[in-house]
Amino acid sequence: MAKRDDIYNVVVIGAGTAGLVTAAGTAGLGGRVALIERNKMGGDCLNFGCVPSKALISSARLIQQIREAEKWGLRMQEPQFDFRDVMERMRERRAKIAPNDSQERFESLGVDVFRGEARFVSPHELEVSDSEGRYNTAHPIRLRARNFVIATGSRAAVPKIDGIDAVPYFTNETVFDELRDKPDSMIVLGGGPIGCELGQAFSRLGVKITILQNMPQLLLPEDADVAEFMQKRFAAEGIDVRLNATTQSVRVRERSGGIIPPFPGVIAQTRDGEVSADVLLIAAGRTPNLDGLNLDAAGVKHNEHGVEVNDYMQTSQPHIYAAGDIANRLKFTHTADFTARVVVRNILMPLQLLRQKTSDAVVPWCTYTDPEVAHVGLGEKQASNEAVEYDLFVVPLSELDRAVVESEDAAGFAKILTRKGSDQILGATIVGPRAGDLLHEFVVAMNAKIGLGKIAGMIHAYPTLAELARKAGDKYNKTRLTPRAKKIFAWLYRRAR
């Protein structure tokens, strides 16, 4: 086949978000591009991450609203649902999105798609193993390119715990497809975004959840008051959160009375005692997918965190780039998308001075619990750690009429940090319904260097949750009303009478 013998402009390894964006962007600009994927098209986000988890969360949120119907003046009732039906609906929603990332679609865009393992043999050549015989050859396919992009992503990290290899467990890569029947109880190992999102979702589906977090708070990058708010919300929903709970060992639960239960059961031993549950879900971070790439043959530097890159997303070999989780400190789908777009541009530019640098100074993220936790820029904890002086403006949702009429007035707050004595926005954190959507007014403002005072002068539709940005601006403007300014205004009013 001719496509195997030609020199490509770009060869992309990995068909997750970063790889797909790179391949589509390169092909759209007229470049010859090959895309290699050893597993599922769409990568983690489509198959094991954002898409299935948010589909599951949406069902769980509605179930909880039915349970809390009295908040909206309705009669209290128990939601009627079947666990299997909810899980199947999640898979059906995922399947509806899947064609966007399919091999057929990318081939229609002019991308040559190879299914197999990629392995560098030199800085300018790699081979694709084909153990399934898709190309009717027993020999690896060799691909040459002017540029390569490593976009192999990350996978669930499995902590080194005594007995972990001898017990059954789920990760985000298995739970959406392999958990068919509802367990009575679940241990969630990890209190980060994945653990909190899935723990709350499964709790609302009737599973008794225990979250074991080996840190002093949930959602470690967030401020302490945000973590405390979410912990109280979890406790109110019956979720058992145990902080500083380092898991020392795990073992299979012994069967009693000779009865074989539907789940084998797991017991986790922590410093404070044992926790028993039907199933174990590991949500203890991510680890880079470097296995088998043979990066040493390509001269690409890497470490336990992934591939080392500069601000232009170039590796130690300038013609080899990396994008997405394999190279990003902040491992989100949207940062994978962003860095891939930077890579497409930088490959095309002939000179370094024309290339674009990346920065994570204004990167938004959202944890899709209920309420959502959305964040951009500095929080109080980070600002204090970096000795950045700031002013803080807090808007409780109880100050928003829309939140009051929606019975969401106790659901959270917004915190805006500005540089001390200025309206320059340093960061924002929103805890509340649709916080991820509401955050982007601050993202735009920070990128466009629009201050909080100017936001106060913009018209916001009433009644909306988006008014929280204007109210934060109003709070800033009130700080400018000094006693001296008050005296001047009072004098002007007296003159006008």
Protein backbone atom coordinates (compact mmCIF):
# COMPACT_ATOMS: atom_id res chain seq x y z
CA MET A 1 0.00 0.00 0.00
CA ALA A 2 1.41 3.35 -1.02
CA LYS A 3 0.33 5.06 2.15
CA ARG A 4 2.82 2.99 4.17
CA ASP A 5 5.82 3.86 2.02
CA ASP A 6 5.48 7.65 1.70
CA ILE A 7 6.94 10.18 4.11
CA TYR A 8 4.15 11.83 6.07
CA ASN A 9 4.07 15.42 7.20
CA VAL A 10 2.87 14.20 10.59
CA VAL A 11 2.46 10.83 12.26
CA VAL A 12 0.27 10.97 15.37
CA ILE A 13 0.41 8.27 18.06
CA GLY A 14 -2.85 7.98 19.97
CA ALA A 15 -6.46 8.64 18.96
CA GLY A 16 -7.69 10.35 22.10
CA THR A 17 -8.64 14.02 22.17
CA ALA A 18 -5.13 15.37 21.52
CA GLY A 19 -4.40 12.89 18.75
CA LEU A 20 -7.73 13.37 17.00
CA VAL A 21 -7.50 17.17 17.08
CA THR A 22 -3.94 17.04 15.76
CA ALA A 23 -4.84 14.63 12.96
CA ALA A 24 -8.00 16.47 11.90
CA GLY A 25 -6.28 19.87 12.05
CA THR A 26 -3.29 18.71 10.01
CA ALA A 27 -5.45 17.02 7.38
CA GLY A 28 -7.75 20.04 7.22
CA LEU A 29 -4.79 22.27 6.42
CA GLY A 30 -3.66 19.97 3.61
CA GLY A 31 -1.03 17.91 5.40
CA ARG A 32 -0.45 14.19 4.93
CA VAL A 33 -1.09 12.60 8.28
CA ALA A 34 -1.15 9.11 9.76
CA LEU A 35 -2.92 8.25 13.01
CA ILE A 36 -2.04 5.19 15.10
CA GLU A 37 -4.32 3.74 17.79
CA ARG A 38 -3.83 0.46 19.64
CA ASN A 39 -7.13 0.44 21.53
CA LYS A 40 -10.37 2.38 21.06
CA MET A 41 -10.84 5.44 18.88
CA GLY A 42 -11.76 8.41 21.05
CA GLY A 43 -9.42 7.45 23.85
CA ASP A 44 -10.17 7.95 27.52
CA CYS A 45 -12.60 10.86 27.21
CA LEU A 46 -15.11 9.15 24.96
CA ASN A 47 -14.84 5.61 26.25
CA PHE A 48 -13.90 5.78 29.93
CA GLY A 49 -13.99 9.41 31.04
CA CYS A 50 -15.91 12.59 30.39
CA VAL A 51 -18.65 11.22 28.18
CA PRO A 52 -19.86 8.15 30.11
CA SER A 53 -19.33 9.74 33.52
CA LYS A 54 -21.39 12.84 32.69
CA ALA A 55 -24.14 10.69 31.19
CA LEU A 56 -24.26 8.69 34.42
CA ILE A 57 -24.14 11.85 36.55
CA SER A 58 -27.10 13.35 34.68
CA SER A 59 -29.26 10.33 35.54
CA ALA A 60 -28.09 10.36 39.15
CA ARG A 61 -28.85 14.08 39.45
CA LEU A 62 -32.44 13.59 38.29
CA ILE A 63 -32.88 10.68 40.71
CA GLN A 64 -31.75 12.93 43.55
CA GLN A 65 -34.11 15.73 42.49
CA ILE A 66 -37.01 13.29 42.66
CA ARG A 67 -35.94 12.29 46.17
CA GLU A 68 -35.87 15.96 47.16
CA ALA A 69 -39.14 16.85 45.40
CA GLU A 70 -40.47 18.62 48.49
CA LYS A 71 -37.93 21.42 47.88
CA TRP A 72 -40.01 22.37 44.83
CA GLY A 73 -43.41 22.01 46.52
CA LEU A 74 -44.03 18.51 45.21
CA ARG A 75 -45.00 15.44 47.17
CA MET A 76 -42.15 13.37 48.51
CA GLN A 77 -41.59 10.15 46.57
CA GLU A 78 -38.96 7.54 45.92
CA PRO A 79 -37.58 7.51 42.38
CA GLN A 80 -38.38 4.41 40.36
CA PHE A 81 -35.42 3.13 38.37
CA ASP A 82 -33.43 0.04 37.51
CA PHE A 83 -29.65 0.16 37.88
CA ARG A 84 -29.11 -1.80 34.67
CA ASP A 85 -31.36 0.57 32.71
CA VAL A 86 -29.42 3.61 33.95
CA MET A 87 -26.10 2.04 33.00
CA GLU A 88 -27.45 1.05 29.59
CA ARG A 89 -28.73 4.59 28.98
CA MET A 90 -25.19 5.86 29.73
CA ARG A 91 -23.75 3.48 27.13
CA GLU A 92 -26.40 4.48 24.60
CA ARG A 93 -25.55 8.19 25.04
CA ARG A 94 -21.87 7.38 24.58
CA ALA A 95 -22.62 5.40 21.42
CA LYS A 96 -24.43 8.42 19.97
CA ILE A 97 -21.27 10.53 20.24
CA ALA A 98 -18.84 7.79 19.18
CA PRO A 99 -19.18 8.28 15.38
CA ASN A 100 -17.52 11.71 15.76
CA ASP A 101 -14.31 9.92 16.77
CA SER A 102 -14.61 6.87 14.53
CA GLN A 103 -12.00 5.51 12.17
CA GLU A 104 -14.42 5.91 9.26
CA ARG A 105 -14.88 9.62 9.94
CA PHE A 106 -11.17 10.33 10.16
CA GLU A 107 -10.44 8.37 7.02
CA SER A 108 -13.08 10.47 5.29
CA LEU A 109 -11.09 13.53 6.37
CA GLY A 110 -8.03 12.15 4.58
CA VAL A 111 -6.28 10.66 7.62
CA ASP A 112 -4.53 7.29 7.21
CA VAL A 113 -5.56 5.31 10.30
CA PHE A 114 -3.45 2.38 11.53
CA ARG A 115 -4.65 0.12 14.34
CA GLY A 116 -1.77 -1.32 16.32
CA GLU A 117 1.17 -0.64 18.65
CA ALA A 118 3.58 2.16 17.71
CA ARG A 119 7.28 1.77 18.47
CA PHE A 120 10.06 4.18 17.52
CA VAL A 121 13.04 2.66 15.73
CA SER A 122 14.80 5.99 15.16
CA PRO A 123 14.03 9.72 15.56
CA HIS A 124 12.46 9.75 12.09
CA GLU A 125 10.84 6.34 11.80
CA LEU A 126 8.52 4.08 13.76
CA GLU A 127 6.89 0.73 13.23
CA VAL A 128 3.32 -0.34 13.82
CA SER A 129 2.90 -3.91 14.99
CA ASP A 130 -0.17 -5.66 13.68
CA SER A 131 -0.84 -8.69 15.82
CA GLU A 132 -4.38 -9.06 14.47
CA GLY A 133 -3.34 -9.19 10.82
CA ARG A 134 -5.43 -6.22 9.70
CA TYR A 135 -3.04 -5.45 6.84
CA ASN A 136 -2.38 -9.00 5.64
CA THR A 137 1.28 -8.93 6.56
CA ALA A 138 3.33 -10.65 9.22
CA HIS A 139 5.84 -7.82 9.38
CA PRO A 140 5.52 -4.52 11.25
CA ILE A 141 4.57 -1.53 9.13
CA ARG A 142 7.20 1.20 9.05
CA LEU A 143 6.16 4.86 8.87
CA ARG A 144 8.43 7.82 8.24
CA ALA A 145 7.55 11.45 8.90
CA ARG A 146 8.91 14.98 9.08
CA ASN A 147 7.17 15.37 12.42
CA PHE A 148 5.73 13.06 15.05
CA VAL A 149 3.19 13.81 17.76
CA ILE A 150 3.03 11.65 20.88
CA ALA A 151 -0.52 11.75 22.20
CA THR A 152 -0.82 8.45 24.03
CA GLY A 153 -2.56 9.91 27.08
CA SER A 154 -2.74 8.44 30.56
CA ARG A 155 -4.50 5.63 32.38
CA ALA A 156 -5.76 4.97 35.88
CA ALA A 157 -2.94 4.59 38.35
CA VAL A 158 -3.12 1.53 40.60
CA PRO A 159 -1.43 2.27 43.93
CA LYS A 160 1.08 -0.16 45.39
CA ILE A 161 -1.00 -1.64 48.20
CA ASP A 162 -0.43 -4.99 49.80
CA GLY A 163 -2.80 -7.51 48.21
CA ILE A 164 -4.01 -5.27 45.38
CA ASP A 165 -3.07 -7.81 42.71
CA ALA A 166 -5.15 -10.52 44.39
CA VAL A 167 -8.48 -8.67 44.63
CA PRO A 168 -10.98 -7.70 41.91
CA TYR A 169 -11.36 -3.97 41.39
CA PHE A 170 -12.76 -1.43 38.97
CA THR A 171 -11.20 1.73 37.53
CA ASN A 172 -12.81 4.34 35.33
CA GLU A 173 -11.60 2.21 32.39
CA THR A 174 -13.68 -0.81 33.41
CA VAL A 175 -16.57 0.33 35.61
CA PHE A 176 -18.77 1.76 32.83
CA ASP A 177 -18.82 -1.45 30.80
CA GLU A 178 -18.18 -4.21 33.32
CA LEU A 179 -20.39 -3.15 36.24
CA ARG A 180 -23.79 -4.52 35.22
CA ASP A 181 -25.61 -5.26 38.48
CA LYS A 182 -25.98 -2.88 41.40
CA PRO A 183 -23.67 -3.64 44.32
CA ASP A 184 -24.97 -2.85 47.79
CA SER A 185 -21.73 -1.10 48.75
CA MET A 186 -18.57 0.30 47.19
CA ILE A 187 -15.21 1.49 48.47
CA VAL A 188 -13.88 4.41 46.41
CA LEU A 189 -10.12 4.65 46.77
CA GLY A 190 -9.34 8.33 46.21
CA GLY A 191 -11.09 11.63 46.86
CA GLY A 192 -10.10 13.54 43.74
CA PRO A 193 -12.45 14.56 40.91
CA ILE A 194 -13.05 11.02 39.59
CA GLY A 195 -13.61 9.55 43.04
CA CYS A 196 -15.97 12.35 44.08
CA GLU A 197 -17.95 12.37 40.83
CA LEU A 198 -18.45 8.62 40.60
CA GLY A 199 -18.85 8.17 44.35
CA GLN A 200 -21.73 10.63 44.47
CA ALA A 201 -23.31 9.26 41.29
CA PHE A 202 -23.29 5.64 42.50
CA SER A 203 -24.50 6.74 45.92
CA ARG A 204 -27.54 8.33 44.29
CA LEU A 205 -28.09 5.06 42.45
CA GLY A 206 -28.50 3.32 45.80
CA VAL A 207 -24.95 2.11 46.47
CA LYS A 208 -23.52 2.64 49.96
CA ILE A 209 -20.31 4.60 49.33
CA THR A 210 -17.19 4.92 51.46
CA ILE A 211 -14.53 7.27 50.09
CA LEU A 212 -11.02 6.63 51.42
CA GLN A 213 -8.90 9.72 50.88
CA ASN A 214 -5.28 9.58 52.03
CA MET A 215 -5.07 13.39 52.14
CA PRO A 216 -6.47 15.88 54.69
CA GLN A 217 -9.23 17.06 52.35
CA LEU A 218 -11.21 16.11 49.28
CA LEU A 219 -10.35 17.73 45.93
CA LEU A 220 -6.83 18.64 47.03
CA PRO A 221 -6.16 21.51 44.56
CA GLU A 222 -9.23 23.39 45.82
CA ASP A 223 -9.40 25.69 48.83
CA ALA A 224 -10.26 24.14 52.20
CA ASP A 225 -13.68 25.81 52.42
CA VAL A 226 -14.64 24.36 49.04
CA ALA A 227 -13.59 20.87 50.12
CA GLU A 228 -15.42 21.23 53.43
CA PHE A 229 -18.59 22.33 51.66
CA MET A 230 -18.52 19.27 49.41
CA GLN A 231 -17.74 16.93 52.29
CA LYS A 232 -20.79 18.22 54.18
CA ARG A 233 -22.92 17.75 51.06
CA PHE A 234 -21.68 14.19 50.71
CA ALA A 235 -22.38 13.47 54.38
CA ALA A 236 -25.94 14.80 53.98
CA GLU A 237 -26.42 12.31 51.13
CA GLY A 238 -25.13 9.42 53.23
CA ILE A 239 -21.62 9.15 51.78
CA ASP A 240 -18.97 8.15 54.31
CA VAL A 241 -15.84 10.23 53.69
CA ARG A 242 -12.71 9.25 55.57
CA LEU A 243 -9.80 11.67 55.37
CA ASN A 244 -6.15 10.85 56.04
CA ALA A 245 -7.21 7.25 55.48
CA THR A 246 -4.16 5.58 53.99
CA THR A 247 -5.09 2.13 52.70
CA GLN A 248 -2.45 -0.30 53.91
CA SER A 249 -3.78 -3.54 52.43
CA VAL A 250 -6.78 -5.10 50.71
CA ARG A 251 -8.12 -8.64 50.64
CA VAL A 252 -11.09 -10.57 49.35
CA ARG A 253 -13.93 -10.78 51.87
CA GLU A 254 -14.55 -14.27 53.20
CA ARG A 255 -17.82 -15.89 52.20
CA SER A 256 -20.19 -16.88 54.98
CA GLY A 257 -22.42 -19.96 55.11
CA GLY A 258 -21.16 -21.30 51.80
CA ILE A 259 -23.29 -18.74 49.91
CA ILE A 260 -21.64 -17.25 46.82
CA PRO A 261 -22.74 -13.59 46.59
CA PRO A 262 -23.01 -11.75 43.24
CA PHE A 263 -19.86 -9.82 44.17
CA PRO A 264 -16.80 -11.38 45.83
CA GLY A 265 -16.43 -8.46 48.24
CA VAL A 266 -13.32 -6.57 49.35
CA ILE A 267 -11.96 -5.51 52.73
CA ALA A 268 -9.61 -2.51 52.93
CA GLN A 269 -7.36 -2.13 55.94
CA THR A 270 -6.60 1.48 56.94
CA ARG A 271 -4.77 2.88 59.91
CA ASP A 272 -8.13 3.43 61.62
CA GLY A 273 -9.59 -0.02 60.96
CA GLU A 274 -11.24 -2.14 58.28
CA VAL A 275 -13.76 -1.14 55.65
CA SER A 276 -15.79 -3.82 53.89
CA ALA A 277 -17.77 -3.47 50.66
CA ASP A 278 -19.05 -5.47 47.71
CA VAL A 279 -16.78 -3.78 45.17
CA LEU A 280 -13.68 -1.59 45.02
CA LEU A 281 -13.30 1.37 42.67
CA ILE A 282 -9.77 2.75 42.32
CA ALA A 283 -9.66 6.47 41.57
CA ALA A 284 -6.16 7.29 42.78
CA GLY A 285 -4.74 9.43 40.00
CA ARG A 286 -3.29 8.91 36.54
CA THR A 287 -0.11 7.45 35.07
CA PRO A 288 1.29 8.17 31.58
CA ASN A 289 1.02 5.67 28.72
CA LEU A 290 4.68 5.30 27.77
CA ASP A 291 4.87 1.50 27.56
CA GLY A 292 6.23 0.12 24.31
CA LEU A 293 6.97 3.46 22.61
CA ASN A 294 10.74 2.88 22.79
CA LEU A 295 11.33 6.60 23.28
CA ASP A 296 15.03 6.07 23.91
CA ALA A 297 15.45 5.03 20.26
CA ALA A 298 13.92 8.36 19.26
CA GLY A 299 16.04 10.33 21.71
CA VAL A 300 12.96 11.65 23.52
CA LYS A 301 13.40 12.51 27.19
CA HIS A 302 10.71 11.31 29.56
CA ASN A 303 10.11 10.59 33.24
CA GLU A 304 7.48 9.07 35.52
CA HIS A 305 5.13 11.98 34.77
CA GLY A 306 5.27 11.63 30.99
CA VAL A 307 7.14 13.17 28.07
CA GLU A 308 9.23 16.27 28.75
CA VAL A 309 8.28 19.24 26.54
CA ASN A 310 9.12 22.93 26.24
CA ASP A 311 6.61 25.78 26.02
CA TYR A 312 6.08 25.00 22.32
CA MET A 313 5.15 21.37 23.13
CA GLN A 314 8.40 20.15 21.54
CA THR A 315 10.24 17.21 23.09
CA SER A 316 14.02 16.92 23.34
CA GLN A 317 13.81 16.18 19.61
CA PRO A 318 12.42 19.45 18.11
CA HIS A 319 10.59 17.65 15.30
CA ILE A 320 8.80 15.37 17.78
CA TYR A 321 5.96 16.99 19.71
CA ALA A 322 3.73 15.77 22.53
CA ALA A 323 0.19 16.84 23.42
CA GLY A 324 -2.50 15.94 25.92
CA ASP A 325 -2.14 14.01 29.17
CA ILE A 326 1.23 12.56 28.19
CA ALA A 327 2.74 16.06 28.42
CA ASN A 328 0.26 18.26 30.32
CA ARG A 329 0.45 19.01 34.04
CA LEU A 330 -3.30 19.66 34.03
CA LYS A 331 -4.84 16.53 32.56
CA PHE A 332 -8.17 17.60 31.09
CA THR A 333 -9.84 17.04 27.74
CA HIS A 334 -9.87 20.78 27.06
CA THR A 335 -6.14 21.14 27.79
CA ALA A 336 -5.50 18.19 25.47
CA ASP A 337 -7.53 19.96 22.79
CA PHE A 338 -5.69 23.25 23.37
CA THR A 339 -2.19 21.80 23.27
CA ALA A 340 -3.05 19.83 20.13
CA ARG A 341 -4.11 23.04 18.38
CA VAL A 342 -0.82 24.64 19.42
CA VAL A 343 1.07 21.65 18.01
CA VAL A 344 -0.75 21.86 14.65
CA ARG A 345 0.21 25.53 14.34
CA ASN A 346 3.79 25.04 15.48
CA ILE A 347 4.47 22.18 13.08
CA LEU A 348 3.28 24.37 10.24
CA MET A 349 5.43 27.40 11.21
CA PRO A 350 8.96 27.26 9.72
CA LEU A 351 10.56 29.48 12.38
CA GLN A 352 10.47 29.23 16.19
CA LEU A 353 9.65 32.93 16.56
CA LEU A 354 6.38 32.32 14.68
CA ARG A 355 5.38 29.45 16.93
CA GLN A 356 2.94 29.69 19.81
CA LYS A 357 3.82 29.14 23.45
CA THR A 358 1.52 27.40 25.89
CA SER A 359 0.62 28.58 29.38
CA ASP A 360 -1.54 27.13 32.13
CA ALA A 361 -2.07 30.48 33.90
CA VAL A 362 -5.71 30.71 32.79
CA VAL A 363 -6.88 27.12 32.53
CA PRO A 364 -10.43 26.43 33.75
CA TRP A 365 -11.51 23.12 35.21
CA CYS A 366 -14.68 21.71 36.65
CA THR A 367 -15.50 18.80 38.93
CA TYR A 368 -18.99 17.59 37.97
CA THR A 369 -20.30 16.78 41.39
CA ASP A 370 -23.62 18.22 42.51
CA PRO A 371 -23.11 21.08 43.03
CA GLU A 372 -20.34 21.51 40.51
CA VAL A 373 -16.96 22.93 41.53
CA ALA A 374 -15.40 25.14 38.84
CA HIS A 375 -12.07 26.92 39.09
CA VAL A 376 -9.73 29.14 37.08
CA GLY A 377 -6.53 30.92 38.03
CA LEU A 378 -5.51 31.33 41.65
CA GLY A 379 -7.41 30.15 44.68
CA GLU A 380 -6.72 31.41 48.17
CA LYS A 381 -4.48 28.45 49.01
CA GLN A 382 -2.29 28.87 45.95
CA ALA A 383 -2.15 32.65 46.30
CA SER A 384 -1.00 32.30 49.89
CA ASN A 385 1.59 29.68 48.96
CA GLU A 386 2.96 31.98 46.27
CA ALA A 387 2.86 35.06 48.55
CA VAL A 388 0.48 36.88 46.21
CA GLU A 389 -1.47 39.64 47.95
CA TYR A 390 -5.14 39.65 47.02
CA ASP A 391 -8.60 40.95 47.81
CA LEU A 392 -11.42 38.44 48.13
CA PHE A 393 -15.03 38.89 47.04
CA VAL A 394 -17.55 36.21 47.97
CA VAL A 395 -21.05 35.92 46.53
CA PRO A 396 -23.27 33.31 48.25
CA LEU A 397 -25.89 31.82 45.94
CA SER A 398 -28.48 33.03 48.47
CA GLU A 399 -27.87 36.54 47.06
CA LEU A 400 -29.06 35.46 43.61
CA ASP A 401 -32.83 35.65 43.08
CA ARG A 402 -32.69 32.91 40.45
CA ALA A 403 -31.03 30.55 42.92
CA VAL A 404 -33.70 31.38 45.50
CA VAL A 405 -36.65 30.68 43.21
CA GLU A 406 -34.96 27.49 41.97
CA SER A 407 -34.48 26.31 45.59
CA GLU A 408 -30.72 26.29 45.01
CA ASP A 409 -29.87 29.16 47.36
CA ALA A 410 -28.02 26.86 49.77
CA ALA A 411 -26.12 25.11 46.97
CA GLY A 412 -22.88 27.08 47.06
CA PHE A 413 -21.01 30.32 46.49
CA ALA A 414 -18.55 32.14 44.24
CA LYS A 415 -15.11 33.37 45.32
CA ILE A 416 -13.27 35.94 43.21
CA LEU A 417 -9.68 36.94 43.90
CA THR A 418 -8.33 40.26 42.61
CA ARG A 419 -4.85 41.70 42.91
CA LYS A 420 -4.58 43.71 46.13
CA GLY A 421 -6.01 47.19 45.62
CA SER A 422 -6.99 46.47 42.01
CA ASP A 423 -9.87 44.93 40.06
CA GLN A 424 -7.51 42.65 38.10
CA ILE A 425 -8.97 39.15 38.40
CA LEU A 426 -6.45 36.60 39.64
CA GLY A 427 -8.81 33.67 39.91
CA ALA A 428 -12.34 32.48 40.49
CA THR A 429 -13.95 29.47 42.13
CA ILE A 430 -17.66 28.73 41.82
CA VAL A 431 -19.51 26.08 43.76
CA GLY A 432 -23.04 25.70 42.47
CA PRO A 433 -25.33 24.37 39.76
CA ARG A 434 -23.85 24.82 36.25
CA ALA A 435 -20.69 26.27 37.81
CA GLY A 436 -18.65 25.03 34.85
CA ASP A 437 -20.76 27.14 32.50
CA LEU A 438 -20.81 30.19 34.78
CA LEU A 439 -17.03 30.19 35.15
CA HIS A 440 -16.34 31.19 31.57
CA GLU A 441 -17.28 34.84 32.02
CA PHE A 442 -14.26 35.04 34.32
CA VAL A 443 -12.10 33.00 31.92
CA VAL A 444 -12.84 35.48 29.13
CA ALA A 445 -12.31 38.44 31.46
CA MET A 446 -8.93 37.17 32.61
CA ASN A 447 -7.73 36.49 29.07
CA ALA A 448 -9.02 39.86 27.82
CA LYS A 449 -7.73 41.67 30.92
CA ILE A 450 -11.20 42.91 31.85
CA GLY A 451 -11.39 43.92 35.49
CA LEU A 452 -14.08 43.07 38.01
CA GLY A 453 -15.18 46.71 38.13
CA LYS A 454 -15.94 46.72 34.40
CA ILE A 455 -17.95 43.50 34.72
CA ALA A 456 -20.17 45.35 37.22
CA GLY A 457 -21.05 47.85 34.49
CA MET A 458 -22.17 45.18 32.02
CA ILE A 459 -25.86 44.34 31.72
CA HIS A 460 -26.68 40.81 32.90
CA ALA A 461 -30.09 39.30 32.22
CA TYR A 462 -32.36 39.03 35.27
CA PRO A 463 -32.97 36.63 36.91
CA THR A 464 -29.98 34.45 36.05
CA LEU A 465 -27.26 32.68 37.96
CA ALA A 466 -24.81 34.62 35.78
CA GLU A 467 -25.61 37.70 37.85
CA LEU A 468 -23.09 36.41 40.36
CA ALA A 469 -20.32 37.97 38.22
CA ARG A 470 -22.03 41.38 38.32
CA LYS A 471 -22.65 41.08 42.05
CA ALA A 472 -18.98 40.31 42.60
CA GLY A 473 -18.20 43.45 40.58
CA ASP A 474 -20.60 45.46 42.73
CA LYS A 475 -18.81 44.26 45.85
CA TYR A 476 -15.53 45.44 44.37
CA ASN A 477 -16.96 48.87 43.47
CA LYS A 478 -18.21 49.34 47.03
CA THR A 479 -14.62 49.08 48.26
CA ARG A 480 -13.82 52.15 46.20
CA LEU A 481 -16.41 54.21 48.07
CA THR A 482 -13.98 55.58 50.66
CA PRO A 483 -15.06 58.07 53.40
CA ARG A 484 -13.40 60.84 51.39
CA ALA A 485 -15.33 59.86 48.25
CA LYS A 486 -18.56 59.77 50.27
CA LYS A 487 -17.96 63.32 51.49
CA ILE A 488 -17.38 64.54 47.93
CA PHE A 489 -20.57 62.86 46.67
CA ALA A 490 -22.58 64.26 49.60
CA TRP A 491 -21.28 67.75 48.78
CA LEU A 492 -22.30 67.34 45.11
CA TYR A 493 -25.80 66.26 46.16
CA ARG A 494 -26.15 69.25 48.50
CA ARG A 495 -25.18 71.60 45.68
CA ALA A 496 -27.78 70.01 43.41
CA ARG A 497 -30.68 70.61 45.86
